[in-house]
N, C-alpha and C. Protein backbone atom coordinates (compact mmCIF):
# COMPACT_ATOMS: atom_id res chain seq x y z
N UNK A 1 72.77 99.87 88.89
CA UNK A 1 73.75 100.85 88.33
C UNK A 1 75.03 100.15 88.32
N UNK A 2 75.75 100.10 87.12
CA UNK A 2 77.24 99.54 87.10
C UNK A 2 78.05 100.73 87.19
N UNK A 3 79.39 100.22 87.09
CA UNK A 3 80.51 101.25 87.28
C UNK A 3 80.58 102.25 86.01
N UNK A 4 80.31 101.65 84.77
CA UNK A 4 80.23 102.49 83.64
C UNK A 4 79.22 103.71 83.76
N UNK A 5 78.06 103.38 84.18
CA UNK A 5 76.97 104.27 84.54
C UNK A 5 77.46 105.41 85.39
N UNK A 6 78.16 104.95 86.58
CA UNK A 6 78.67 106.05 87.59
C UNK A 6 79.66 106.84 86.86
N UNK A 7 80.62 106.51 86.12
CA UNK A 7 81.49 107.20 85.41
C UNK A 7 80.84 108.23 84.42
N UNK A 8 79.84 107.89 83.61
CA UNK A 8 79.19 108.60 82.65
C UNK A 8 78.43 109.74 83.51
N UNK A 9 77.70 109.43 84.63
CA UNK A 9 77.13 110.45 85.28
C UNK A 9 77.99 111.52 85.83
N UNK A 10 79.16 110.99 86.34
CA UNK A 10 80.30 111.92 86.82
C UNK A 10 80.79 112.79 85.64
N UNK A 11 81.22 112.31 84.63
CA UNK A 11 81.57 113.07 83.45
C UNK A 11 80.65 114.16 82.94
N UNK A 12 79.31 113.92 83.11
CA UNK A 12 78.35 114.93 82.61
C UNK A 12 77.95 115.88 83.79
N UNK A 13 77.97 115.52 84.90
CA UNK A 13 77.71 116.56 86.07
C UNK A 13 78.75 117.18 86.90
N UNK A 14 79.87 116.57 86.72
CA UNK A 14 81.15 117.32 87.53
C UNK A 14 81.41 116.93 88.65
N UNK A 15 81.93 117.66 89.66
CA UNK A 15 82.45 117.44 91.02
C UNK A 15 81.34 117.01 91.98
N UNK A 16 80.09 117.72 91.98
CA UNK A 16 79.07 117.33 92.84
C UNK A 16 78.53 115.87 92.53
N UNK A 17 78.62 115.51 91.39
CA UNK A 17 78.16 114.18 90.98
C UNK A 17 79.29 113.17 91.36
N UNK A 18 80.42 113.63 91.38
CA UNK A 18 81.64 112.71 91.85
C UNK A 18 81.49 112.53 93.20
N UNK A 19 81.31 113.45 94.01
CA UNK A 19 81.07 113.45 95.41
C UNK A 19 79.83 112.38 95.76
N UNK A 20 78.69 112.73 95.22
CA UNK A 20 77.53 111.97 95.48
C UNK A 20 77.58 110.61 94.99
N UNK A 21 77.98 110.29 93.77
CA UNK A 21 78.32 108.96 93.31
C UNK A 21 79.08 108.11 94.14
N UNK A 22 80.25 108.65 94.49
CA UNK A 22 81.23 107.95 95.26
C UNK A 22 80.67 107.68 96.78
N UNK A 23 80.06 108.57 97.33
CA UNK A 23 79.43 108.33 98.70
C UNK A 23 78.26 107.40 98.64
N UNK A 24 77.40 107.32 97.57
CA UNK A 24 76.37 106.38 97.54
C UNK A 24 76.88 104.97 97.20
N UNK A 25 77.85 104.97 96.32
CA UNK A 25 78.44 103.68 95.96
C UNK A 25 79.12 103.00 97.13
N UNK A 26 80.00 103.77 97.92
CA UNK A 26 80.60 103.33 99.12
C UNK A 26 79.69 102.73 100.15
N UNK A 27 78.45 103.30 100.10
CA UNK A 27 77.48 102.84 101.10
C UNK A 27 76.98 101.46 100.92
N UNK A 28 76.92 101.00 99.57
CA UNK A 28 76.52 99.75 99.30
C UNK A 28 76.14 99.15 97.89
N UNK A 29 76.43 100.00 96.95
CA UNK A 29 76.33 99.31 95.56
C UNK A 29 77.20 98.06 95.50
N UNK A 30 76.86 97.06 94.75
CA UNK A 30 77.72 95.89 94.66
C UNK A 30 78.91 96.18 93.60
N UNK A 31 79.71 97.18 93.98
CA UNK A 31 80.93 97.48 93.23
C UNK A 31 81.95 97.49 94.45
N UNK A 32 83.10 96.66 94.22
CA UNK A 32 83.96 96.52 95.31
C UNK A 32 84.57 97.97 95.59
N UNK A 33 84.84 98.37 96.91
CA UNK A 33 85.30 99.78 97.04
C UNK A 33 86.51 100.12 96.51
N UNK A 34 87.48 98.98 96.22
CA UNK A 34 88.89 99.10 95.72
C UNK A 34 88.68 99.62 94.40
N UNK A 35 87.80 99.03 93.52
CA UNK A 35 87.52 99.38 92.26
C UNK A 35 87.00 100.91 92.08
N UNK A 36 85.95 101.21 92.96
CA UNK A 36 85.55 102.49 92.99
C UNK A 36 86.64 103.56 93.15
N UNK A 37 87.39 103.37 94.31
CA UNK A 37 88.49 104.32 94.57
C UNK A 37 89.51 104.45 93.32
N UNK A 38 89.80 103.36 92.73
CA UNK A 38 90.56 103.34 91.46
C UNK A 38 89.96 104.21 90.43
N UNK A 39 88.74 104.04 90.39
CA UNK A 39 87.86 104.73 89.35
C UNK A 39 88.24 106.31 89.40
N UNK A 40 88.38 106.90 90.72
CA UNK A 40 88.89 108.23 90.72
C UNK A 40 90.09 108.42 89.99
N UNK A 41 91.15 107.65 90.09
CA UNK A 41 92.36 107.76 89.35
C UNK A 41 92.19 107.71 87.92
N UNK A 42 91.22 106.64 87.55
CA UNK A 42 90.87 106.76 86.15
C UNK A 42 90.42 107.99 85.63
N UNK A 43 89.44 108.67 86.29
CA UNK A 43 88.87 109.88 85.95
C UNK A 43 89.84 110.93 85.64
N UNK A 44 90.79 111.05 86.48
CA UNK A 44 91.97 111.94 86.41
C UNK A 44 92.80 111.59 85.09
N UNK A 45 92.93 110.35 84.74
CA UNK A 45 93.71 110.09 83.55
C UNK A 45 92.87 110.51 82.16
N UNK A 46 91.68 110.80 82.10
CA UNK A 46 90.92 111.14 81.07
C UNK A 46 90.91 112.67 80.89
N UNK A 47 91.62 113.45 81.80
CA UNK A 47 91.78 114.83 81.80
C UNK A 47 90.40 115.63 82.09
N UNK A 48 89.48 114.99 82.50
CA UNK A 48 88.20 115.85 82.77
C UNK A 48 88.33 116.42 84.18
N UNK A 49 89.15 116.00 85.10
CA UNK A 49 89.21 116.46 86.45
C UNK A 49 90.51 116.80 86.87
N UNK A 50 90.68 117.64 87.85
CA UNK A 50 91.92 118.11 88.44
C UNK A 50 92.53 116.93 89.49
N UNK A 51 93.61 116.52 89.36
CA UNK A 51 94.06 115.41 90.10
C UNK A 51 93.92 115.55 91.73
N UNK A 52 94.41 116.68 92.11
CA UNK A 52 94.39 116.93 93.55
C UNK A 52 93.00 117.13 94.18
N UNK A 53 92.14 117.88 93.41
CA UNK A 53 90.66 118.18 93.86
C UNK A 53 90.00 116.77 93.82
N UNK A 54 90.15 116.00 92.81
CA UNK A 54 89.38 114.76 92.67
C UNK A 54 89.80 113.78 93.85
N UNK A 55 91.13 113.60 94.14
CA UNK A 55 91.68 112.85 95.12
C UNK A 55 91.00 113.25 96.46
N UNK A 56 91.08 114.45 96.77
CA UNK A 56 90.52 114.96 98.08
C UNK A 56 88.98 114.62 98.14
N UNK A 57 88.14 114.69 97.10
CA UNK A 57 86.86 114.44 97.09
C UNK A 57 86.57 112.92 97.44
N UNK A 58 87.41 112.12 96.70
CA UNK A 58 87.23 110.68 97.08
C UNK A 58 87.63 110.46 98.32
N UNK A 59 88.85 111.02 98.82
CA UNK A 59 89.25 110.77 100.34
C UNK A 59 88.02 111.13 101.25
N UNK A 60 87.53 112.29 101.08
CA UNK A 60 86.51 112.95 101.90
C UNK A 60 85.36 111.86 101.97
N UNK A 61 84.88 111.42 100.83
CA UNK A 61 83.81 110.35 100.83
C UNK A 61 84.15 109.19 101.63
N UNK A 62 85.37 108.78 101.46
CA UNK A 62 85.86 107.54 102.22
C UNK A 62 85.61 107.79 103.75
N UNK A 63 86.27 108.79 104.26
CA UNK A 63 86.18 109.15 105.67
C UNK A 63 85.00 109.54 106.18
N UNK A 64 84.34 110.26 105.34
CA UNK A 64 82.80 110.68 105.71
C UNK A 64 81.89 109.35 105.95
N UNK A 65 82.08 108.44 104.98
CA UNK A 65 81.22 107.22 105.20
C UNK A 65 81.58 106.49 106.60
N UNK A 66 83.03 106.40 106.69
CA UNK A 66 83.27 105.78 107.98
C UNK A 66 82.88 106.49 109.36
N UNK A 67 82.96 107.79 109.16
CA UNK A 67 82.67 108.66 110.49
C UNK A 67 81.05 108.58 110.72
N UNK A 68 80.24 108.66 109.67
CA UNK A 68 78.81 108.65 109.82
C UNK A 68 78.47 107.14 110.44
N UNK A 69 79.15 106.14 109.95
CA UNK A 69 78.91 104.71 110.47
C UNK A 69 79.23 104.77 111.95
N UNK A 70 80.43 105.36 112.28
CA UNK A 70 80.79 105.62 113.67
C UNK A 70 79.72 106.28 114.38
N UNK A 71 79.19 107.38 114.07
CA UNK A 71 78.23 107.99 114.96
C UNK A 71 76.84 107.28 114.76
N UNK A 72 76.54 106.65 113.63
CA UNK A 72 75.31 105.90 113.91
C UNK A 72 75.39 104.69 114.89
N UNK A 73 76.56 104.16 114.89
CA UNK A 73 76.82 103.09 116.04
C UNK A 73 76.88 103.65 117.34
N UNK A 74 77.34 104.91 117.65
CA UNK A 74 77.25 105.52 118.86
C UNK A 74 75.85 105.90 119.33
N UNK A 75 75.10 106.22 118.42
CA UNK A 75 73.70 106.81 118.66
C UNK A 75 72.66 105.56 118.79
N UNK A 76 72.72 104.77 117.76
CA UNK A 76 71.67 103.74 117.57
C UNK A 76 72.27 102.21 117.66
N UNK A 77 73.52 102.10 117.86
CA UNK A 77 74.30 100.86 117.76
C UNK A 77 73.52 99.58 118.26
N UNK A 78 73.12 99.77 119.63
CA UNK A 78 72.55 98.50 120.21
C UNK A 78 71.30 98.11 119.60
N UNK A 79 70.52 99.04 119.38
CA UNK A 79 69.22 98.79 118.73
C UNK A 79 69.33 98.06 117.41
N UNK A 80 70.33 98.72 116.55
CA UNK A 80 70.61 98.16 115.18
C UNK A 80 71.15 96.67 115.33
N UNK A 81 72.00 96.51 116.22
CA UNK A 81 72.75 95.17 116.35
C UNK A 81 71.60 94.15 116.71
N UNK A 82 70.70 94.35 117.58
CA UNK A 82 69.74 93.51 117.91
C UNK A 82 68.92 93.01 116.66
N UNK A 83 68.78 93.77 115.78
CA UNK A 83 68.04 93.47 114.43
C UNK A 83 69.01 92.86 113.63
N UNK A 84 70.25 93.24 113.33
CA UNK A 84 71.09 92.66 112.54
C UNK A 84 71.60 91.18 113.02
N UNK A 85 71.66 91.01 114.31
CA UNK A 85 72.01 89.65 114.86
C UNK A 85 71.17 88.44 114.35
N UNK A 86 69.83 88.87 113.97
CA UNK A 86 68.83 87.93 113.47
C UNK A 86 69.11 87.34 112.13
N UNK A 87 69.74 88.22 111.31
CA UNK A 87 70.17 87.74 110.01
C UNK A 87 71.58 87.11 110.04
N UNK A 88 71.51 85.77 109.71
CA UNK A 88 72.60 84.90 109.98
C UNK A 88 73.93 85.37 109.19
N UNK A 89 73.79 85.81 107.92
CA UNK A 89 75.06 86.17 107.32
C UNK A 89 75.68 87.38 107.83
N UNK A 90 74.77 88.38 108.22
CA UNK A 90 75.39 89.64 108.79
C UNK A 90 75.90 89.39 110.13
N UNK A 91 75.23 88.41 110.93
CA UNK A 91 75.69 88.12 112.30
C UNK A 91 77.09 87.64 112.29
N UNK A 92 77.30 86.56 111.18
CA UNK A 92 78.68 86.17 111.16
C UNK A 92 79.75 87.17 110.99
N UNK A 93 79.46 88.23 110.18
CA UNK A 93 80.31 89.32 109.91
C UNK A 93 80.43 90.16 111.11
N UNK A 94 79.41 90.35 111.77
CA UNK A 94 79.48 91.14 112.96
C UNK A 94 80.43 90.48 114.11
N UNK A 95 80.27 89.25 114.34
CA UNK A 95 81.16 88.46 115.11
C UNK A 95 82.60 88.62 114.66
N UNK A 96 83.08 88.61 113.31
CA UNK A 96 84.18 88.81 112.91
C UNK A 96 84.74 90.19 113.17
N UNK A 97 83.99 91.23 112.95
CA UNK A 97 84.40 92.52 113.20
C UNK A 97 84.52 92.76 114.65
N UNK A 98 83.62 92.28 115.44
CA UNK A 98 83.76 92.41 116.89
C UNK A 98 85.15 91.88 117.39
N UNK A 99 85.36 90.64 117.07
CA UNK A 99 86.60 89.97 117.43
C UNK A 99 87.72 90.81 117.04
N UNK A 100 87.89 91.57 115.94
CA UNK A 100 89.10 92.23 115.52
C UNK A 100 89.08 93.50 116.45
N UNK A 101 88.13 94.12 116.77
CA UNK A 101 88.12 95.18 117.71
C UNK A 101 88.52 94.82 119.10
N UNK A 102 88.08 93.71 119.62
CA UNK A 102 88.40 93.28 121.02
C UNK A 102 89.78 92.91 120.99
N UNK A 103 90.35 92.23 119.86
CA UNK A 103 91.82 91.94 120.01
C UNK A 103 92.66 93.17 119.52
N UNK A 104 92.35 93.99 118.83
CA UNK A 104 93.25 95.18 118.34
C UNK A 104 92.88 96.50 118.69
N UNK A 105 91.61 96.75 119.46
CA UNK A 105 91.31 97.97 119.93
C UNK A 105 91.13 99.04 118.86
N UNK A 106 91.64 100.20 119.04
CA UNK A 106 91.47 101.35 118.04
C UNK A 106 92.35 100.91 116.72
N UNK A 107 93.30 100.20 116.95
CA UNK A 107 93.99 99.74 115.65
C UNK A 107 93.19 98.95 114.58
N UNK A 108 92.14 98.33 114.96
CA UNK A 108 91.28 97.90 114.08
C UNK A 108 90.66 98.89 113.09
N UNK A 109 90.60 100.07 113.37
CA UNK A 109 90.21 101.29 112.54
C UNK A 109 91.17 101.33 111.38
N UNK A 110 92.53 100.93 111.61
CA UNK A 110 93.56 101.00 110.72
C UNK A 110 93.42 100.01 109.79
N UNK A 111 93.10 98.86 110.18
CA UNK A 111 93.27 97.63 109.21
C UNK A 111 91.88 97.34 108.62
N UNK A 112 90.84 98.05 109.00
CA UNK A 112 89.58 97.75 108.46
C UNK A 112 89.47 98.04 106.94
N UNK A 113 90.31 99.00 106.43
CA UNK A 113 90.17 99.34 105.07
C UNK A 113 90.65 98.23 104.11
N UNK A 114 91.51 97.31 104.66
CA UNK A 114 92.04 96.18 103.90
C UNK A 114 91.20 94.93 103.84
N UNK A 115 90.10 95.13 104.65
CA UNK A 115 89.21 93.97 104.86
C UNK A 115 87.87 94.20 104.36
N UNK A 116 87.59 93.71 103.23
CA UNK A 116 86.36 93.98 102.45
C UNK A 116 85.01 93.86 103.17
N UNK A 117 84.70 92.65 103.72
CA UNK A 117 83.50 92.42 104.25
C UNK A 117 83.25 93.18 105.48
N UNK A 118 84.08 93.47 106.32
CA UNK A 118 83.99 94.09 107.70
C UNK A 118 84.35 95.53 107.72
N UNK A 119 84.79 96.12 106.60
CA UNK A 119 85.25 97.50 106.65
C UNK A 119 84.16 98.57 106.94
N UNK A 120 82.93 98.17 106.63
CA UNK A 120 81.82 99.02 107.06
C UNK A 120 81.41 98.70 108.58
N UNK A 121 81.55 97.55 109.04
CA UNK A 121 80.97 97.13 110.30
C UNK A 121 81.99 97.56 111.46
N UNK A 122 83.31 97.72 111.23
CA UNK A 122 84.33 98.15 112.29
C UNK A 122 83.99 99.75 112.74
N UNK A 123 83.97 100.59 111.92
CA UNK A 123 83.65 101.92 112.34
C UNK A 123 82.14 101.95 113.19
N UNK A 124 81.22 101.23 112.71
CA UNK A 124 80.02 101.18 113.29
C UNK A 124 80.07 100.52 114.70
N UNK A 125 80.77 99.50 114.84
CA UNK A 125 80.88 98.88 116.09
C UNK A 125 81.88 99.59 117.07
N UNK A 126 82.79 100.27 116.55
CA UNK A 126 83.48 101.09 117.50
C UNK A 126 82.81 102.23 118.09
N UNK A 127 81.82 102.84 117.34
CA UNK A 127 80.86 103.81 117.86
C UNK A 127 79.98 103.07 118.87
N UNK A 128 79.54 101.83 118.52
CA UNK A 128 78.74 101.31 119.50
C UNK A 128 79.24 100.80 120.82
N UNK A 129 80.68 100.45 120.63
CA UNK A 129 81.27 100.12 122.01
C UNK A 129 81.99 101.39 122.69
N UNK A 130 81.55 102.50 122.30
CA UNK A 130 81.96 103.84 122.90
C UNK A 130 83.28 104.07 122.92
N UNK A 131 84.05 103.68 121.93
CA UNK A 131 85.50 104.06 121.73
C UNK A 131 85.41 105.54 121.28
N UNK A 132 86.39 106.35 121.89
CA UNK A 132 86.46 107.71 121.74
C UNK A 132 86.50 108.27 120.26
N UNK A 133 85.85 109.19 119.98
CA UNK A 133 85.86 109.58 118.39
C UNK A 133 87.40 110.06 118.11
N UNK A 134 88.10 110.55 118.92
CA UNK A 134 89.52 110.96 118.76
C UNK A 134 90.29 109.79 118.46
N UNK A 135 90.20 108.82 119.11
CA UNK A 135 90.95 107.46 118.82
C UNK A 135 90.63 106.89 117.57
N UNK A 136 89.22 106.91 117.27
CA UNK A 136 88.74 106.35 115.98
C UNK A 136 89.41 107.10 114.72
N UNK A 137 89.34 108.42 114.95
CA UNK A 137 89.71 109.35 113.87
C UNK A 137 91.20 109.22 113.78
N UNK A 138 91.97 109.15 114.67
CA UNK A 138 93.23 109.13 114.73
C UNK A 138 93.91 107.82 113.82
N UNK A 139 93.23 106.70 114.17
CA UNK A 139 93.69 105.58 113.36
C UNK A 139 92.97 105.45 112.03
N UNK A 140 91.74 105.81 111.94
CA UNK A 140 91.01 105.74 110.66
C UNK A 140 91.41 106.56 109.53
N UNK A 141 91.55 107.87 109.96
CA UNK A 141 91.74 108.85 108.86
C UNK A 141 93.05 108.76 108.22
N UNK A 142 94.17 108.39 108.94
CA UNK A 142 95.44 108.34 108.39
C UNK A 142 95.61 106.95 107.51
N UNK A 143 95.10 105.92 108.04
CA UNK A 143 94.95 104.69 107.16
C UNK A 143 94.25 104.74 105.97
N UNK A 144 93.09 105.58 106.12
CA UNK A 144 92.03 105.79 105.04
C UNK A 144 92.71 106.43 104.09
N UNK A 145 93.78 107.52 104.38
CA UNK A 145 94.28 108.42 103.38
C UNK A 145 95.27 107.54 102.72
N UNK A 146 96.04 106.63 103.39
CA UNK A 146 97.14 105.88 102.69
C UNK A 146 96.45 104.88 101.65
N UNK A 147 95.38 104.15 102.08
CA UNK A 147 94.50 103.29 101.43
C UNK A 147 93.92 104.03 100.10
N UNK A 148 93.35 105.05 100.19
CA UNK A 148 92.78 105.88 99.18
C UNK A 148 93.88 106.30 98.16
N UNK A 149 95.00 106.94 98.63
CA UNK A 149 96.04 107.42 97.95
C UNK A 149 96.58 106.06 96.89
N UNK A 150 96.81 105.09 97.53
CA UNK A 150 97.44 103.94 96.92
C UNK A 150 96.50 103.51 95.74
N UNK A 151 95.33 103.27 95.95
CA UNK A 151 94.28 102.76 95.00
C UNK A 151 94.06 103.92 94.01
N UNK A 152 94.00 105.18 94.44
CA UNK A 152 93.80 106.23 93.49
C UNK A 152 95.03 106.21 92.41
N UNK A 153 96.24 106.21 92.94
CA UNK A 153 97.42 106.08 91.97
C UNK A 153 97.40 104.75 91.03
N UNK A 154 96.92 103.59 91.71
CA UNK A 154 96.95 102.29 90.82
C UNK A 154 95.91 102.69 89.62
N UNK A 155 94.67 103.29 89.99
CA UNK A 155 93.68 103.66 89.05
C UNK A 155 94.21 104.59 87.84
N UNK A 156 94.97 105.55 88.36
CA UNK A 156 95.53 106.46 87.46
C UNK A 156 96.56 105.83 86.43
N UNK A 157 97.48 105.08 87.02
CA UNK A 157 98.49 104.58 86.18
C UNK A 157 98.22 103.13 85.51
N UNK A 158 97.23 102.45 86.10
CA UNK A 158 96.91 101.05 85.53
C UNK A 158 95.41 101.22 85.10
N UNK A 159 94.91 102.19 84.48
CA UNK A 159 93.63 102.30 84.14
C UNK A 159 92.83 101.18 83.44
N UNK A 160 93.59 100.47 82.59
CA UNK A 160 92.98 99.46 81.72
C UNK A 160 92.79 98.30 82.46
N UNK A 161 93.46 97.95 83.59
CA UNK A 161 93.26 96.98 84.52
C UNK A 161 92.60 97.05 85.71
N UNK A 162 91.77 98.16 85.95
CA UNK A 162 91.21 98.44 87.28
C UNK A 162 90.20 97.19 87.80
N UNK A 163 89.46 96.72 86.90
CA UNK A 163 88.54 95.70 87.43
C UNK A 163 89.32 94.41 87.82
N UNK A 164 90.26 94.03 87.07
CA UNK A 164 91.15 92.85 87.47
C UNK A 164 91.83 93.05 88.68
N UNK A 165 92.42 94.28 88.90
CA UNK A 165 93.20 94.56 90.04
C UNK A 165 92.22 94.54 91.29
N UNK A 166 91.25 95.32 91.11
CA UNK A 166 90.17 95.38 92.18
C UNK A 166 89.49 94.23 92.69
N UNK A 167 89.40 93.31 91.83
CA UNK A 167 88.65 92.02 92.28
C UNK A 167 89.66 91.12 92.84
N UNK A 168 91.04 91.16 92.49
CA UNK A 168 91.96 90.51 93.11
C UNK A 168 92.36 91.02 94.50
N UNK A 169 92.27 92.28 94.67
CA UNK A 169 92.54 92.90 96.01
C UNK A 169 91.41 92.43 96.78
N UNK A 170 90.24 92.50 96.27
CA UNK A 170 88.96 91.92 97.14
C UNK A 170 89.20 90.61 97.71
N UNK A 171 89.59 89.64 96.80
CA UNK A 171 89.81 88.24 97.13
C UNK A 171 90.94 88.13 98.19
N UNK A 172 92.09 88.99 98.04
CA UNK A 172 93.09 89.00 98.98
C UNK A 172 92.68 89.33 100.43
N UNK A 173 91.90 90.54 100.33
CA UNK A 173 91.33 91.09 101.62
C UNK A 173 90.46 90.09 102.37
N UNK A 174 89.72 89.36 101.55
CA UNK A 174 88.73 88.33 102.19
C UNK A 174 89.54 87.20 102.77
N UNK A 175 90.66 86.87 102.10
CA UNK A 175 91.48 85.83 102.68
C UNK A 175 92.19 86.17 103.87
N UNK A 176 92.61 87.42 104.03
CA UNK A 176 93.34 88.02 105.10
C UNK A 176 92.29 88.09 106.35
N UNK A 177 91.17 88.40 105.96
CA UNK A 177 90.15 88.47 107.02
C UNK A 177 89.95 87.03 107.60
N UNK A 178 89.63 86.02 106.91
CA UNK A 178 89.58 84.79 107.38
C UNK A 178 90.68 84.21 108.17
N UNK A 179 91.90 84.64 107.55
CA UNK A 179 93.06 84.21 108.40
C UNK A 179 93.17 84.78 109.69
N UNK A 180 92.91 86.25 109.76
CA UNK A 180 93.05 86.90 111.06
C UNK A 180 91.89 86.21 111.98
N UNK A 181 90.68 86.06 111.58
CA UNK A 181 89.72 85.51 112.36
C UNK A 181 90.08 83.94 112.84
N UNK A 182 90.81 83.30 111.99
CA UNK A 182 91.34 81.95 112.41
C UNK A 182 92.24 82.02 113.57
N UNK A 183 93.08 83.06 113.30
CA UNK A 183 94.08 83.14 114.37
C UNK A 183 93.64 83.53 115.69
N UNK A 184 92.56 84.41 115.65
CA UNK A 184 91.93 84.79 116.82
C UNK A 184 91.22 83.64 117.66
N UNK A 185 90.65 82.87 116.78
CA UNK A 185 89.94 81.70 117.38
C UNK A 185 91.00 80.73 118.00
N UNK A 186 92.12 80.47 117.29
CA UNK A 186 93.28 79.60 117.86
C UNK A 186 93.77 80.27 119.23
N UNK A 187 94.10 81.53 119.29
CA UNK A 187 94.49 82.22 120.37
C UNK A 187 93.61 82.05 121.63
N UNK A 188 92.28 82.23 121.24
CA UNK A 188 91.26 82.31 122.22
C UNK A 188 91.09 80.94 122.95
N UNK A 189 91.14 79.89 122.11
CA UNK A 189 90.97 78.59 122.57
C UNK A 189 92.37 78.07 123.35
N UNK A 190 93.50 78.58 122.93
CA UNK A 190 94.69 78.24 123.67
C UNK A 190 94.59 79.06 125.05
N UNK A 191 94.13 80.20 125.14
CA UNK A 191 93.94 81.02 126.49
C UNK A 191 93.04 80.36 127.33
N UNK A 192 91.87 79.93 126.67
CA UNK A 192 90.73 79.23 127.60
C UNK A 192 91.37 77.92 128.06
N UNK A 193 92.05 77.12 127.38
CA UNK A 193 92.59 75.88 127.78
C UNK A 193 93.60 76.02 128.77
N UNK A 194 94.59 77.07 128.70
CA UNK A 194 95.67 77.24 129.69
C UNK A 194 95.01 77.78 130.87
N UNK A 195 93.94 78.45 131.00
CA UNK A 195 93.23 78.86 132.19
C UNK A 195 92.66 77.72 132.93
N UNK A 196 92.13 76.87 132.25
CA UNK A 196 91.56 75.59 132.75
C UNK A 196 92.55 74.63 133.32
N UNK A 197 93.74 74.65 132.67
CA UNK A 197 94.79 73.74 133.09
C UNK A 197 95.47 74.33 134.54
N UNK A 198 95.40 75.51 134.55
CA UNK A 198 96.00 76.12 135.84
C UNK A 198 95.10 76.54 136.92
N UNK A 199 93.83 76.43 136.72
CA UNK A 199 92.87 76.59 137.70
C UNK A 199 92.38 75.51 138.78
């Protein structure tokens, strides 16, 4: 299913299709989340949907996705991680997400929306690490609101350039993720070396 098909389904079946399509796509269709959220703004520009109601549906799907991942982590996290660690590509992303949580704690829930690869893993790992739901929600829901609103408005006002903008944001997000992970590695190495020097 491509983005055009998603838009067509939504236009034919209304708000329920909007909610279900966005939720399913956020879970794992190969469409960048940035492009998907901007599509909500695009739909409003076609005058098929009410802007506030459409935004709220898109926002609810974003935080619902993160919340379900959090509770899956809280309930089944360790068992799932044991299986995921055997898949090399996923294990690398688990390590990156885990490093961000150990470094930034609950604040990782705020920055995860900006980081394409680990944005689904951070809520899951926060649940696995038994971070309280209130801490997770406080940081995740506010930053999720800002992220969703910003992309929604971009989609509304720059509807003809959604794909280009979305893919560039994805590249920037991946670059930031690798930069953060590189900084974490450098800080960790320096810390270990300084401990050895003074021990």
